[in-house]
Amino acid sequence: MEKQIARFNKNATEEIIVKLTEFEGKNFIDIRAYVKPLTSRGELIPTKKGICMKVETVAELLTALKKVEKVYKEELEKRAKETAIQN
């Protein structure tokens, strides 16, 4: 089984593709950077930049990403307040 779940631009030359995959009877989620080919005829080329993990660990990854989002928002708010005070 291989099923693409999401795809989005990382930058001008790379895309991130999220897939559900299967290997030796086990299910995995693969989150990987793909390089855009130089010609319009070629397919995206997978890179070593990415992670492949058991589907069962996705909940832990989501929890970590939510924490990253929260800390990042808090940091942005802190910086905005510091900038407002300085002005």
N, C-alpha and C. Protein backbone atom coordinates (compact mmCIF):
# COMPACT_ATOMS: atom_id res chain seq x y z
N MET A 1 0.84 -1.18 0.00
CA MET A 1 0.00 0.00 0.00
C MET A 1 0.89 1.25 0.00
N GLU A 2 0.55 2.16 -0.82
CA GLU A 2 1.17 3.49 -0.77
C GLU A 2 0.11 4.49 -1.16
N LYS A 3 -0.16 5.43 -0.26
CA LYS A 3 -1.20 6.42 -0.52
C LYS A 3 -0.69 7.80 -0.12
N GLN A 4 -0.71 8.72 -1.09
CA GLN A 4 -0.29 10.10 -0.80
C GLN A 4 -1.41 10.78 -0.03
N ILE A 5 -1.03 11.42 1.09
CA ILE A 5 -1.99 12.08 1.96
C ILE A 5 -1.97 13.60 1.76
N ALA A 6 -0.77 14.16 1.64
CA ALA A 6 -0.65 15.62 1.49
C ALA A 6 0.61 15.94 0.69
N ARG A 7 0.59 17.13 0.11
CA ARG A 7 1.72 17.61 -0.69
C ARG A 7 1.71 19.13 -0.66
N PHE A 8 2.88 19.73 -0.32
CA PHE A 8 2.95 21.19 -0.30
C PHE A 8 4.38 21.65 -0.57
N ASN A 9 4.53 22.88 -0.99
CA ASN A 9 5.84 23.42 -1.30
C ASN A 9 6.63 23.67 -0.03
N LYS A 10 7.89 23.26 -0.05
CA LYS A 10 8.82 23.59 1.03
C LYS A 10 9.53 24.89 0.67
N ASN A 11 9.93 25.00 -0.57
CA ASN A 11 10.58 26.20 -1.12
C ASN A 11 10.43 26.14 -2.63
N ALA A 12 11.21 26.95 -3.35
CA ALA A 12 11.07 27.02 -4.81
C ALA A 12 11.51 25.74 -5.52
N THR A 13 12.35 24.93 -4.87
CA THR A 13 12.89 23.75 -5.55
C THR A 13 12.48 22.42 -4.92
N GLU A 14 11.77 22.46 -3.77
CA GLU A 14 11.41 21.22 -3.09
C GLU A 14 9.95 21.23 -2.65
N GLU A 15 9.38 20.03 -2.60
CA GLU A 15 8.04 19.84 -2.06
C GLU A 15 8.12 18.83 -0.93
N ILE A 16 7.19 18.93 0.00
CA ILE A 16 7.04 17.94 1.06
C ILE A 16 5.86 17.06 0.68
N ILE A 17 6.07 15.75 0.73
CA ILE A 17 4.99 14.80 0.45
C ILE A 17 4.84 13.90 1.66
N VAL A 18 3.58 13.76 2.09
CA VAL A 18 3.24 12.89 3.21
C VAL A 18 2.50 11.68 2.64
N LYS A 19 3.02 10.49 2.95
CA LYS A 19 2.42 9.26 2.42
C LYS A 19 2.21 8.24 3.52
N LEU A 20 1.20 7.41 3.34
CA LEU A 20 1.05 6.19 4.11
C LEU A 20 1.70 5.09 3.28
N THR A 21 2.58 4.31 3.89
CA THR A 21 3.25 3.24 3.17
C THR A 21 3.21 1.96 4.00
N GLU A 22 3.58 0.88 3.35
CA GLU A 22 3.65 -0.41 4.03
C GLU A 22 4.97 -1.05 3.67
N PHE A 23 5.63 -1.65 4.68
CA PHE A 23 6.88 -2.36 4.46
C PHE A 23 6.88 -3.59 5.35
N GLU A 24 7.08 -4.72 4.76
CA GLU A 24 7.10 -6.00 5.48
C GLU A 24 5.89 -6.17 6.40
N GLY A 25 4.72 -5.79 5.88
CA GLY A 25 3.48 -5.97 6.61
C GLY A 25 3.19 -4.93 7.69
N LYS A 26 4.07 -3.94 7.82
CA LYS A 26 3.87 -2.88 8.83
C LYS A 26 3.55 -1.57 8.13
N ASN A 27 2.69 -0.76 8.79
CA ASN A 27 2.27 0.52 8.22
C ASN A 27 3.13 1.66 8.75
N PHE A 28 3.49 2.57 7.85
CA PHE A 28 4.35 3.69 8.18
C PHE A 28 3.78 4.97 7.59
N ILE A 29 4.19 6.09 8.19
CA ILE A 29 3.95 7.40 7.60
C ILE A 29 5.32 7.91 7.16
N ASP A 30 5.39 8.38 5.92
CA ASP A 30 6.64 8.89 5.36
C ASP A 30 6.44 10.37 5.05
N ILE A 31 7.24 11.21 5.67
CA ILE A 31 7.19 12.66 5.44
C ILE A 31 8.55 13.02 4.86
N ARG A 32 8.58 13.39 3.58
CA ARG A 32 9.86 13.52 2.88
C ARG A 32 9.88 14.71 1.95
N ALA A 33 11.07 15.29 1.82
CA ALA A 33 11.29 16.36 0.84
C ALA A 33 11.60 15.71 -0.51
N TYR A 34 11.00 16.26 -1.53
CA TYR A 34 11.24 15.82 -2.91
C TYR A 34 11.76 17.00 -3.71
N VAL A 35 12.73 16.75 -4.56
CA VAL A 35 13.31 17.80 -5.39
C VAL A 35 12.51 17.89 -6.68
N LYS A 36 12.20 19.12 -7.06
CA LYS A 36 11.52 19.33 -8.34
C LYS A 36 12.55 19.15 -9.45
N PRO A 37 12.21 18.40 -10.50
CA PRO A 37 13.16 18.19 -11.60
C PRO A 37 13.39 19.47 -12.38
N LEU A 38 14.52 19.53 -13.05
CA LEU A 38 14.86 20.71 -13.83
C LEU A 38 14.02 20.82 -15.10
N THR A 39 13.54 19.70 -15.61
CA THR A 39 12.69 19.72 -16.79
C THR A 39 11.25 19.47 -16.38
N SER A 40 10.32 19.89 -17.19
CA SER A 40 8.90 19.74 -16.86
C SER A 40 8.41 18.31 -17.06
N ARG A 41 9.21 17.45 -17.70
CA ARG A 41 8.77 16.08 -17.99
C ARG A 41 9.02 15.11 -16.84
N GLY A 42 9.96 15.43 -15.96
CA GLY A 42 10.36 14.49 -14.92
C GLY A 42 9.46 14.49 -13.71
N GLU A 43 9.54 13.39 -12.94
CA GLU A 43 8.82 13.28 -11.69
C GLU A 43 9.67 13.84 -10.56
N LEU A 44 9.01 14.14 -9.45
CA LEU A 44 9.75 14.60 -8.28
C LEU A 44 10.69 13.49 -7.81
N ILE A 45 11.85 13.90 -7.30
CA ILE A 45 12.87 12.95 -6.87
C ILE A 45 12.95 12.99 -5.34
N PRO A 46 12.74 11.82 -4.68
CA PRO A 46 12.80 11.81 -3.22
C PRO A 46 14.22 12.08 -2.73
N THR A 47 14.34 12.77 -1.61
CA THR A 47 15.65 13.03 -1.00
C THR A 47 15.76 12.24 0.30
N LYS A 48 16.90 12.31 0.94
CA LYS A 48 17.09 11.67 2.24
C LYS A 48 16.52 12.52 3.36
N LYS A 49 16.10 13.74 3.04
CA LYS A 49 15.54 14.65 4.04
C LYS A 49 14.11 14.24 4.36
N GLY A 50 13.91 13.66 5.51
CA GLY A 50 12.57 13.27 5.89
C GLY A 50 12.60 12.26 7.00
N ILE A 51 11.41 11.82 7.36
CA ILE A 51 11.30 10.77 8.39
C ILE A 51 10.28 9.74 7.93
N CYS A 52 10.51 8.53 8.38
CA CYS A 52 9.56 7.44 8.17
C CYS A 52 9.36 6.80 9.53
N MET A 53 8.11 6.72 9.97
CA MET A 53 7.85 6.23 11.31
C MET A 53 6.57 5.39 11.33
N LYS A 54 6.44 4.54 12.35
CA LYS A 54 5.25 3.73 12.48
C LYS A 54 4.02 4.62 12.64
N VAL A 55 2.94 4.22 12.01
CA VAL A 55 1.70 4.99 12.09
C VAL A 55 1.26 5.15 13.55
N GLU A 56 1.55 4.17 14.38
CA GLU A 56 1.13 4.22 15.78
C GLU A 56 1.76 5.38 16.54
N THR A 57 2.83 5.94 16.04
CA THR A 57 3.51 7.04 16.73
C THR A 57 3.05 8.43 16.26
N VAL A 58 2.10 8.47 15.35
CA VAL A 58 1.63 9.74 14.80
C VAL A 58 1.04 10.63 15.90
N ALA A 59 0.33 10.05 16.84
CA ALA A 59 -0.27 10.86 17.92
C ALA A 59 0.81 11.59 18.70
N GLU A 60 1.93 10.94 18.96
CA GLU A 60 3.02 11.58 19.68
C GLU A 60 3.62 12.72 18.85
N LEU A 61 3.75 12.49 17.55
CA LEU A 61 4.27 13.53 16.67
C LEU A 61 3.33 14.74 16.65
N LEU A 62 2.04 14.49 16.57
CA LEU A 62 1.06 15.58 16.58
C LEU A 62 1.12 16.38 17.87
N THR A 63 1.27 15.70 18.99
CA THR A 63 1.39 16.38 20.28
C THR A 63 2.62 17.29 20.28
N ALA A 64 3.74 16.77 19.77
CA ALA A 64 4.97 17.57 19.71
C ALA A 64 4.79 18.78 18.79
N LEU A 65 4.14 18.59 17.65
CA LEU A 65 3.94 19.70 16.71
C LEU A 65 3.01 20.76 17.29
N LYS A 66 2.02 20.35 18.05
CA LYS A 66 1.13 21.32 18.71
C LYS A 66 1.90 22.13 19.74
N LYS A 67 2.82 21.48 20.45
CA LYS A 67 3.66 22.21 21.41
C LYS A 67 4.55 23.22 20.68
N VAL A 68 5.11 22.81 19.55
CA VAL A 68 5.94 23.72 18.76
C VAL A 68 5.12 24.94 18.35
N GLU A 69 3.91 24.70 17.87
CA GLU A 69 3.04 25.80 17.45
C GLU A 69 2.74 26.75 18.61
N LYS A 70 2.45 26.19 19.78
CA LYS A 70 2.13 27.01 20.96
C LYS A 70 3.33 27.85 21.38
N VAL A 71 4.49 27.23 21.47
CA VAL A 71 5.71 27.95 21.88
C VAL A 71 6.05 29.03 20.85
N TYR A 72 5.90 28.73 19.58
CA TYR A 72 6.20 29.70 18.53
C TYR A 72 5.26 30.91 18.62
N LYS A 73 3.96 30.65 18.82
CA LYS A 73 3.00 31.76 18.95
C LYS A 73 3.32 32.61 20.18
N GLU A 74 3.67 31.95 21.27
CA GLU A 74 4.04 32.70 22.48
C GLU A 74 5.26 33.57 22.24
N GLU A 75 6.23 33.05 21.53
CA GLU A 75 7.44 33.81 21.22
C GLU A 75 7.13 35.00 20.32
N LEU A 76 6.26 34.81 19.34
CA LEU A 76 5.87 35.92 18.47
C LEU A 76 5.16 37.02 19.26
N GLU A 77 4.27 36.62 20.17
CA GLU A 77 3.56 37.60 21.00
C GLU A 77 4.53 38.35 21.90
N LYS A 78 5.47 37.65 22.46
CA LYS A 78 6.49 38.26 23.32
C LYS A 78 7.30 39.29 22.53
N ARG A 79 7.71 38.92 21.33
CA ARG A 79 8.49 39.85 20.50
C ARG A 79 7.67 41.06 20.10
N ALA A 80 6.38 40.85 19.80
CA ALA A 80 5.52 41.96 19.41
C ALA A 80 5.36 42.95 20.57
N LYS A 81 5.20 42.42 21.80
CA LYS A 81 5.08 43.29 22.97
C LYS A 81 6.38 44.07 23.22
N GLU A 82 7.51 43.41 23.07
CA GLU A 82 8.81 44.07 23.25
C GLU A 82 9.01 45.17 22.22
N THR A 83 8.60 44.92 21.00
CA THR A 83 8.71 45.92 19.94
C THR A 83 7.81 47.10 20.21
N ALA A 84 6.58 46.83 20.70
CA ALA A 84 5.63 47.91 21.01
C ALA A 84 6.16 48.78 22.14
N ILE A 85 6.76 48.16 23.13
CA ILE A 85 7.32 48.93 24.27
C ILE A 85 8.48 49.81 23.81
N GLN A 86 9.29 49.30 22.91
CA GLN A 86 10.45 50.06 22.42
C GLN A 86 10.04 51.24 21.55
N ASN A 87 8.89 51.16 20.92
CA ASN A 87 8.43 52.22 20.05
C ASN A 87 7.59 53.15 20.83
